[in-house]
Amino acid sequence: MTTMGFYEARTRLSQVLDDVAKGKKILITRRGKPAALISPPPKEKERDARQVVREMLAFRDRQGPTLGGKVTIRQLIEEGRRS
């Protein structure tokens, strides 16, 4: 972990953010006392694409292919063909 004073961190903010993006943690001090800890955000867990598709299909099966109320996608397609 890197430690730097507030003034230095403020002056080099762009570099500080680049370092944090690479995974470094930086402790910012003010008058020698810890004031803030800058660290990368927590990583989001990756979702399995197959699981996402299964969830989407299950949602579709529960909700049905409708667009608000009782209008179905099929009705909209048929209506477009009549025009």
PDB file of N, CA and C in Angstrom:
ATOM      1  N   MET A   1       0.854  -1.171   0.000  1.00  0.00           N
ATOM      2  CA  MET A   1       0.000   0.000   0.000  1.00  0.00           C
ATOM      3  C   MET A   1       0.901   1.235   0.000  1.00  0.00           C
ATOM      4  N   THR A   2       0.537   2.180  -0.825  1.00  0.00           N
ATOM      5  CA  THR A   2       1.276   3.431  -0.930  1.00  0.00           C
ATOM      6  C   THR A   2       0.628   4.472  -0.025  1.00  0.00           C
ATOM      7  N   THR A   3       1.438   5.281   0.621  1.00  0.00           N
ATOM      8  CA  THR A   3       0.940   6.364   1.459  1.00  0.00           C
ATOM      9  C   THR A   3       1.430   7.681   0.882  1.00  0.00           C
ATOM     10  N   MET A   4       0.553   8.654   0.816  1.00  0.00           N
ATOM     11  CA  MET A   4       0.960   9.983   0.354  1.00  0.00           C
ATOM     12  C   MET A   4       0.107  11.044   1.035  1.00  0.00           C
ATOM     13  N   GLY A   5       0.676  12.214   1.112  1.00  0.00           N
ATOM     14  CA  GLY A   5      -0.022  13.329   1.735  1.00  0.00           C
ATOM     15  C   GLY A   5      -1.130  13.864   0.830  1.00  0.00           C
ATOM     16  N   PHE A   6      -2.028  14.599   1.447  1.00  0.00           N
ATOM     17  CA  PHE A   6      -3.175  15.153   0.737  1.00  0.00           C
ATOM     18  C   PHE A   6      -2.740  16.043  -0.423  1.00  0.00           C
ATOM     19  N   TYR A   7      -1.771  16.929  -0.181  1.00  0.00           N
ATOM     20  CA  TYR A   7      -1.340  17.867  -1.222  1.00  0.00           C
ATOM     21  C   TYR A   7      -0.767  17.102  -2.421  1.00  0.00           C
ATOM     22  N   GLU A   8       0.077  16.113  -2.157  1.00  0.00           N
ATOM     23  CA  GLU A   8       0.669  15.326  -3.246  1.00  0.00           C
ATOM     24  C   GLU A   8      -0.412  14.560  -4.008  1.00  0.00           C
ATOM     25  N   ALA A   9      -1.354  13.975  -3.289  1.00  0.00           N
ATOM     26  CA  ALA A   9      -2.438  13.226  -3.937  1.00  0.00           C
ATOM     27  C   ALA A   9      -3.277  14.150  -4.813  1.00  0.00           C
ATOM     28  N   ARG A  10      -3.548  15.338  -4.308  1.00  0.00           N
ATOM     29  CA  ARG A  10      -4.339  16.301  -5.073  1.00  0.00           C
ATOM     30  C   ARG A  10      -3.582  16.746  -6.316  1.00  0.00           C
ATOM     31  N   THR A  11      -2.292  16.956  -6.176  1.00  0.00           N
ATOM     32  CA  THR A  11      -1.469  17.406  -7.294  1.00  0.00           C
ATOM     33  C   THR A  11      -1.332  16.320  -8.359  1.00  0.00           C
ATOM     34  N   ARG A  12      -1.253  15.072  -7.926  1.00  0.00           N
ATOM     35  CA  ARG A  12      -1.047  13.959  -8.856  1.00  0.00           C
ATOM     36  C   ARG A  12      -2.291  13.084  -8.982  1.00  0.00           C
ATOM     37  N   LEU A  13      -3.461  13.653  -8.893  1.00  0.00           N
ATOM     38  CA  LEU A  13      -4.694  12.871  -8.867  1.00  0.00           C
ATOM     39  C   LEU A  13      -4.814  11.931 -10.062  1.00  0.00           C
ATOM     40  N   SER A  14      -4.474  12.394 -11.244  1.00  0.00           N
ATOM     41  CA  SER A  14      -4.574  11.556 -12.434  1.00  0.00           C
ATOM     42  C   SER A  14      -3.707  10.307 -12.288  1.00  0.00           C
ATOM     43  N   GLN A  15      -2.479  10.477 -11.835  1.00  0.00           N
ATOM     44  CA  GLN A  15      -1.583   9.334 -11.632  1.00  0.00           C
ATOM     45  C   GLN A  15      -2.086   8.430 -10.522  1.00  0.00           C
ATOM     46  N   VAL A  16      -2.621   9.027  -9.458  1.00  0.00           N
ATOM     47  CA  VAL A  16      -3.179   8.236  -8.357  1.00  0.00           C
ATOM     48  C   VAL A  16      -4.304   7.341  -8.870  1.00  0.00           C
ATOM     49  N   LEU A  17      -5.191   7.903  -9.676  1.00  0.00           N
ATOM     50  CA  LEU A  17      -6.299   7.115 -10.209  1.00  0.00           C
ATOM     51  C   LEU A  17      -5.812   6.023 -11.155  1.00  0.00           C
ATOM     52  N   ASP A  18      -4.784   6.315 -11.934  1.00  0.00           N
ATOM     53  CA  ASP A  18      -4.212   5.280 -12.804  1.00  0.00           C
ATOM     54  C   ASP A  18      -3.653   4.128 -11.977  1.00  0.00           C
ATOM     55  N   ASP A  19      -2.952   4.459 -10.896  1.00  0.00           N
ATOM     56  CA  ASP A  19      -2.395   3.418 -10.026  1.00  0.00           C
ATOM     57  C   ASP A  19      -3.497   2.587  -9.375  1.00  0.00           C
ATOM     58  N   VAL A  20      -4.543   3.249  -8.933  1.00  0.00           N
ATOM     59  CA  VAL A  20      -5.657   2.531  -8.304  1.00  0.00           C
ATOM     60  C   VAL A  20      -6.340   1.618  -9.320  1.00  0.00           C
ATOM     61  N   ALA A  21      -6.471   2.087 -10.547  1.00  0.00           N
ATOM     62  CA  ALA A  21      -7.087   1.264 -11.592  1.00  0.00           C
ATOM     63  C   ALA A  21      -6.264   0.008 -11.854  1.00  0.00           C
ATOM     64  N   LYS A  22      -4.967   0.073 -11.588  1.00  0.00           N
ATOM     65  CA  LYS A  22      -4.096  -1.092 -11.771  1.00  0.00           C
ATOM     66  C   LYS A  22      -4.119  -2.022 -10.566  1.00  0.00           C
ATOM     67  N   GLY A  23      -4.866  -1.650  -9.532  1.00  0.00           N
ATOM     68  CA  GLY A  23      -5.012  -2.533  -8.376  1.00  0.00           C
ATOM     69  C   GLY A  23      -4.333  -2.066  -7.106  1.00  0.00           C
ATOM     70  N   LYS A  24      -3.628  -0.945  -7.144  1.00  0.00           N
ATOM     71  CA  LYS A  24      -2.954  -0.442  -5.939  1.00  0.00           C
ATOM     72  C   LYS A  24      -3.955   0.184  -4.973  1.00  0.00           C
ATOM     73  N   LYS A  25      -3.617   0.124  -3.690  1.00  0.00           N
ATOM     74  CA  LYS A  25      -4.365   0.863  -2.676  1.00  0.00           C
ATOM     75  C   LYS A  25      -3.488   2.026  -2.241  1.00  0.00           C
ATOM     76  N   ILE A  26      -4.107   3.180  -2.038  1.00  0.00           N
ATOM     77  CA  ILE A  26      -3.346   4.369  -1.649  1.00  0.00           C
ATOM     78  C   ILE A  26      -3.991   4.991  -0.422  1.00  0.00           C
ATOM     79  N   LEU A  27      -3.183   5.166   0.594  1.00  0.00           N
ATOM     80  CA  LEU A  27      -3.637   5.800   1.832  1.00  0.00           C
ATOM     81  C   LEU A  27      -3.281   7.277   1.750  1.00  0.00           C
ATOM     82  N   ILE A  28      -4.272   8.127   1.882  1.00  0.00           N
ATOM     83  CA  ILE A  28      -4.072   9.571   1.850  1.00  0.00           C
ATOM     84  C   ILE A  28      -4.029  10.067   3.296  1.00  0.00           C
ATOM     85  N   THR A  29      -3.000  10.830   3.602  1.00  0.00           N
ATOM     86  CA  THR A  29      -2.883  11.364   4.959  1.00  0.00           C
ATOM     87  C   THR A  29      -3.053  12.876   4.938  1.00  0.00           C
ATOM     88  N   ARG A  30      -3.469  13.396   6.072  1.00  0.00           N
ATOM     89  CA  ARG A  30      -3.570  14.840   6.253  1.00  0.00           C
ATOM     90  C   ARG A  30      -2.897  15.148   7.584  1.00  0.00           C
ATOM     91  N   ARG A  31      -1.839  15.934   7.482  1.00  0.00           N
ATOM     92  CA  ARG A  31      -1.009  16.263   8.661  1.00  0.00           C
ATOM     93  C   ARG A  31      -0.504  14.991   9.360  1.00  0.00           C
ATOM     94  N   GLY A  32      -0.164  13.991   8.530  1.00  0.00           N
ATOM     95  CA  GLY A  32       0.415  12.761   9.066  1.00  0.00           C
ATOM     96  C   GLY A  32      -0.576  11.736   9.570  1.00  0.00           C
ATOM     97  N   LYS A  33      -1.865  12.065   9.578  1.00  0.00           N
ATOM     98  CA  LYS A  33      -2.886  11.127  10.065  1.00  0.00           C
ATOM     99  C   LYS A  33      -3.688  10.605   8.881  1.00  0.00           C
ATOM    100  N   PRO A  34      -4.032   9.323   8.904  1.00  0.00           N
ATOM    101  CA  PRO A  34      -4.817   8.754   7.798  1.00  0.00           C
ATOM    102  C   PRO A  34      -6.145   9.490   7.628  1.00  0.00           C
ATOM    103  N   ALA A  35      -6.432   9.873   6.373  1.00  0.00           N
ATOM    104  CA  ALA A  35      -7.673  10.589   6.090  1.00  0.00           C
ATOM    105  C   ALA A  35      -8.574   9.797   5.153  1.00  0.00           C
ATOM    106  N   ALA A  36      -7.979   9.055   4.223  1.00  0.00           N
ATOM    107  CA  ALA A  36      -8.788   8.310   3.261  1.00  0.00           C
ATOM    108  C   ALA A  36      -7.972   7.166   2.692  1.00  0.00           C
ATOM    109  N   LEU A  37      -8.674   6.140   2.285  1.00  0.00           N
ATOM    110  CA  LEU A  37      -8.052   5.011   1.609  1.00  0.00           C
ATOM    111  C   LEU A  37      -8.721   4.885   0.250  1.00  0.00           C
ATOM    112  N   ILE A  38      -7.923   4.974  -0.804  1.00  0.00           N
ATOM    113  CA  ILE A  38      -8.458   4.832  -2.153  1.00  0.00           C
ATOM    114  C   ILE A  38      -8.073   3.444  -2.641  1.00  0.00           C
ATOM    115  N   SER A  39      -9.069   2.678  -3.058  1.00  0.00           N
ATOM    116  CA  SER A  39      -8.809   1.329  -3.536  1.00  0.00           C
ATOM    117  C   SER A  39      -9.711   1.031  -4.734  1.00  0.00           C
ATOM    118  N   PRO A  40      -9.354   0.024  -5.524  1.00  0.00           N
ATOM    119  CA  PRO A  40     -10.188  -0.326  -6.666  1.00  0.00           C
ATOM    120  C   PRO A  40     -11.571  -0.787  -6.199  1.00  0.00           C
ATOM    121  N   PRO A  41     -12.593  -0.613  -7.027  1.00  0.00           N
ATOM    122  CA  PRO A  41     -13.920  -1.088  -6.641  1.00  0.00           C
ATOM    123  C   PRO A  41     -13.940  -2.615  -6.598  1.00  0.00           C
ATOM    124  N   PRO A  42     -14.855  -3.184  -5.841  1.00  0.00           N
ATOM    125  CA  PRO A  42     -14.932  -4.652  -5.803  1.00  0.00           C
ATOM    126  C   PRO A  42     -15.294  -5.189  -7.189  1.00  0.00           C
ATOM    127  N   LYS A  43     -14.720  -6.318  -7.521  1.00  0.00           N
ATOM    128  CA  LYS A  43     -15.007  -6.917  -8.823  1.00  0.00           C
ATOM    129  C   LYS A  43     -16.390  -7.541  -8.813  1.00  0.00           C
ATOM    130  N   GLU A  44     -17.096  -7.322  -9.910  1.00  0.00           N
ATOM    131  CA  GLU A  44     -18.408  -7.943 -10.043  1.00  0.00           C
ATOM    132  C   GLU A  44     -18.203  -9.375 -10.492  1.00  0.00           C
ATOM    133  N   LYS A  45     -18.957 -10.274  -9.887  1.00  0.00           N
ATOM    134  CA  LYS A  45     -18.783 -11.653 -10.301  1.00  0.00           C
ATOM    135  C   LYS A  45     -19.379 -11.833 -11.693  1.00  0.00           C
ATOM    136  N   GLU A  46     -18.684 -12.602 -12.483  1.00  0.00           N
ATOM    137  CA  GLU A  46     -19.149 -12.839 -13.844  1.00  0.00           C
ATOM    138  C   GLU A  46     -20.284 -13.847 -13.820  1.00  0.00           C
ATOM    139  N   ARG A  47     -21.264 -13.588 -14.646  1.00  0.00           N
ATOM    140  CA  ARG A  47     -22.401 -14.492 -14.707  1.00  0.00           C
ATOM    141  C   ARG A  47     -22.246 -15.401 -15.922  1.00  0.00           C
ATOM    142  N   ASP A  48     -22.634 -16.637 -15.748  1.00  0.00           N
ATOM    143  CA  ASP A  48     -22.588 -17.605 -16.824  1.00  0.00           C
ATOM    144  C   ASP A  48     -23.663 -17.245 -17.849  1.00  0.00           C
ATOM    145  N   ALA A  49     -23.273 -17.122 -19.113  1.00  0.00           N
ATOM    146  CA  ALA A  49     -24.215 -16.723 -20.169  1.00  0.00           C
ATOM    147  C   ALA A  49     -25.370 -17.704 -20.276  1.00  0.00           C
ATOM    148  N   ARG A  50     -25.097 -18.983 -20.120  1.00  0.00           N
ATOM    149  CA  ARG A  50     -26.178 -19.984 -20.195  1.00  0.00           C
ATOM    150  C   ARG A  50     -27.208 -19.772 -19.093  1.00  0.00           C
ATOM    151  N   GLN A  51     -26.724 -19.439 -17.896  1.00  0.00           N
ATOM    152  CA  GLN A  51     -27.634 -19.198 -16.781  1.00  0.00           C
ATOM    153  C   GLN A  51     -28.487 -17.965 -17.039  1.00  0.00           C
ATOM    154  N   VAL A  52     -27.901 -16.927 -17.595  1.00  0.00           N
ATOM    155  CA  VAL A  52     -28.642 -15.701 -17.906  1.00  0.00           C
ATOM    156  C   VAL A  52     -29.741 -16.008 -18.919  1.00  0.00           C
ATOM    157  N   VAL A  53     -29.417 -16.789 -19.943  1.00  0.00           N
ATOM    158  CA  VAL A  53     -30.421 -17.144 -20.953  1.00  0.00           C
ATOM    159  C   VAL A  53     -31.536 -17.961 -20.313  1.00  0.00           C
ATOM    160  N   ARG A  54     -31.179 -18.897 -19.445  1.00  0.00           N
ATOM    161  CA  ARG A  54     -32.222 -19.692 -18.756  1.00  0.00           C
ATOM    162  C   ARG A  54     -33.145 -18.790 -17.937  1.00  0.00           C
ATOM    163  N   GLU A  55     -32.557 -17.803 -17.254  1.00  0.00           N
ATOM    164  CA  GLU A  55     -33.369 -16.879 -16.456  1.00  0.00           C
ATOM    165  C   GLU A  55     -34.282 -16.048 -17.351  1.00  0.00           C
ATOM    166  N   MET A  56     -33.783 -15.609 -18.501  1.00  0.00           N
ATOM    167  CA  MET A  56     -34.609 -14.817 -19.425  1.00  0.00           C
ATOM    168  C   MET A  56     -35.769 -15.654 -19.967  1.00  0.00           C
ATOM    169  N   LEU A  57     -35.489 -16.900 -20.326  1.00  0.00           N
ATOM    170  CA  LEU A  57     -36.547 -17.765 -20.850  1.00  0.00           C
ATOM    171  C   LEU A  57     -37.584 -18.074 -19.779  1.00  0.00           C
ATOM    172  N   ALA A  58     -37.126 -18.287 -18.549  1.00  0.00           N
ATOM    173  CA  ALA A  58     -38.063 -18.541 -17.451  1.00  0.00           C
ATOM    174  C   ALA A  58     -38.934 -17.315 -17.209  1.00  0.00           C
ATOM    175  N   PHE A  59     -38.356 -16.125 -17.277  1.00  0.00           N
ATOM    176  CA  PHE A  59     -39.129 -14.900 -17.115  1.00  0.00           C
ATOM    177  C   PHE A  59     -40.177 -14.782 -18.217  1.00  0.00           C
ATOM    178  N   ARG A  60     -39.759 -15.041 -19.459  1.00  0.00           N
ATOM    179  CA  ARG A  60     -40.690 -14.981 -20.587  1.00  0.00           C
ATOM    180  C   ARG A  60     -41.835 -15.973 -20.399  1.00  0.00           C
ATOM    181  N   ASP A  61     -41.511 -17.177 -19.920  1.00  0.00           N
ATOM    182  CA  ASP A  61     -42.544 -18.189 -19.717  1.00  0.00           C
ATOM    183  C   ASP A  61     -43.515 -17.782 -18.610  1.00  0.00           C
ATOM    184  N   ARG A  62     -42.991 -17.115 -17.574  1.00  0.00           N
ATOM    185  CA  ARG A  62     -43.864 -16.661 -16.483  1.00  0.00           C
ATOM    186  C   ARG A  62     -44.725 -15.487 -16.914  1.00  0.00           C
ATOM    187  N   GLN A  63     -44.129 -14.507 -17.583  1.00  0.00           N
ATOM    188  CA  GLN A  63     -44.819 -13.270 -17.924  1.00  0.00           C
ATOM    189  C   GLN A  63     -45.571 -13.345 -19.241  1.00  0.00           C
ATOM    190  N   GLY A  64     -45.133 -14.219 -20.127  1.00  0.00           N
ATOM    191  CA  GLY A  64     -45.744 -14.281 -21.448  1.00  0.00           C
ATOM    192  C   GLY A  64     -45.218 -13.156 -22.311  1.00  0.00           C
ATOM    193  N   PRO A  65     -45.213 -13.359 -23.619  1.00  0.00           N
ATOM    194  CA  PRO A  65     -44.687 -12.330 -24.516  1.00  0.00           C
ATOM    195  C   PRO A  65     -45.709 -11.222 -24.767  1.00  0.00           C
ATOM    196  N   THR A  66     -45.915 -10.367 -23.777  1.00  0.00           N
ATOM    197  CA  THR A  66     -46.863  -9.270 -23.937  1.00  0.00           C
ATOM    198  C   THR A  66     -46.157  -7.938 -23.752  1.00  0.00           C
ATOM    199  N   LEU A  67     -46.772  -6.903 -24.251  1.00  0.00           N
ATOM    200  CA  LEU A  67     -46.237  -5.552 -24.088  1.00  0.00           C
ATOM    201  C   LEU A  67     -47.273  -4.709 -23.361  1.00  0.00           C
ATOM    202  N   GLY A  68     -47.271  -4.782 -22.070  1.00  0.00           N
ATOM    203  CA  GLY A  68     -48.202  -4.000 -21.277  1.00  0.00           C
ATOM    204  C   GLY A  68     -49.645  -4.375 -21.545  1.00  0.00           C
ATOM    205  N   GLY A  69     -50.311  -4.825 -20.573  1.00  0.00           N
ATOM    206  CA  GLY A  69     -51.716  -5.193 -20.740  1.00  0.00           C
ATOM    207  C   GLY A  69     -51.861  -6.484 -21.521  1.00  0.00           C
ATOM    208  N   LYS A  70     -52.765  -6.481 -22.496  1.00  0.00           N
ATOM    209  CA  LYS A  70     -53.067  -7.714 -23.207  1.00  0.00           C
ATOM    210  C   LYS A  70     -52.577  -7.719 -24.644  1.00  0.00           C
ATOM    211  N   VAL A  71     -51.815  -6.737 -25.053  1.00  0.00           N
ATOM    212  CA  VAL A  71     -51.298  -6.685 -26.414  1.00  0.00           C
ATOM    213  C   VAL A  71     -50.081  -7.597 -26.497  1.00  0.00           C
ATOM    214  N   THR A  72     -50.104  -8.548 -27.427  1.00  0.00           N
ATOM    215  CA  THR A  72     -48.965  -9.444 -27.588  1.00  0.00           C
ATOM    216  C   THR A  72     -48.084  -8.968 -28.735  1.00  0.00           C
ATOM    217  N   ILE A  73     -46.881  -9.462 -28.742  1.00  0.00           N
ATOM    218  CA  ILE A  73     -45.952  -9.137 -29.819  1.00  0.00           C
ATOM    219  C   ILE A  73     -46.517  -9.623 -31.149  1.00  0.00           C
ATOM    220  N   ARG A  74     -47.124 -10.797 -31.144  1.00  0.00           N
ATOM    221  CA  ARG A  74     -47.703 -11.363 -32.365  1.00  0.00           C
ATOM    222  C   ARG A  74     -48.773 -10.432 -32.924  1.00  0.00           C
ATOM    223  N   GLN A  75     -49.625  -9.855 -32.050  1.00  0.00           N
ATOM    224  CA  GLN A  75     -50.666  -8.932 -32.515  1.00  0.00           C
ATOM    225  C   GLN A  75     -50.049  -7.697 -33.172  1.00  0.00           C
ATOM    226  N   LEU A  76     -48.970  -7.192 -32.606  1.00  0.00           N
ATOM    227  CA  LEU A  76     -48.313  -6.035 -33.195  1.00  0.00           C
ATOM    228  C   LEU A  76     -47.711  -6.379 -34.559  1.00  0.00           C
ATOM    229  N   ILE A  77     -47.139  -7.561 -34.682  1.00  0.00           N
ATOM    230  CA  ILE A  77     -46.575  -7.981 -35.963  1.00  0.00           C
ATOM    231  C   ILE A  77     -47.670  -8.090 -37.010  1.00  0.00           C
ATOM    232  N   GLU A  78     -48.790  -8.717 -36.645  1.00  0.00           N
ATOM    233  CA  GLU A  78     -49.889  -8.886 -37.579  1.00  0.00           C
ATOM    234  C   GLU A  78     -50.487  -7.534 -37.975  1.00  0.00           C
ATOM    235  N   GLU A  79     -50.584  -6.639 -37.020  1.00  0.00           N
ATOM    236  CA  GLU A  79     -51.110  -5.316 -37.316  1.00  0.00           C
ATOM    237  C   GLU A  79     -50.209  -4.571 -38.297  1.00  0.00           C
ATOM    238  N   GLY A  80     -48.904  -4.729 -38.158  1.00  0.00           N
ATOM    239  CA  GLY A  80     -47.965  -4.101 -39.071  1.00  0.00           C
ATOM    240  C   GLY A  80     -48.065  -4.670 -40.474  1.00  0.00           C
ATOM    241  N   ARG A  81     -48.407  -5.927 -40.580  1.00  0.00           N
ATOM    242  CA  ARG A  81     -48.519  -6.547 -41.906  1.00  0.00           C
ATOM    243  C   ARG A  81     -49.762  -6.083 -42.639  1.00  0.00           C
ATOM    244  N   ARG A  82     -50.804  -5.690 -41.923  1.00  0.00           N
ATOM    245  CA  ARG A  82     -52.054  -5.240 -42.548  1.00  0.00           C
ATOM    246  C   ARG A  82     -51.898  -3.837 -43.130  1.00  0.00           C
ATOM    247  N   SER A  83     -50.976  -3.082 -42.638  1.00  0.00           N
ATOM    248  CA  SER A  83     -50.818  -1.700 -43.094  1.00  0.00           C
ATOM    249  C   SER A  83     -50.250  -1.612 -44.480  1.00  0.00           C
TER     250      SER A  83
END
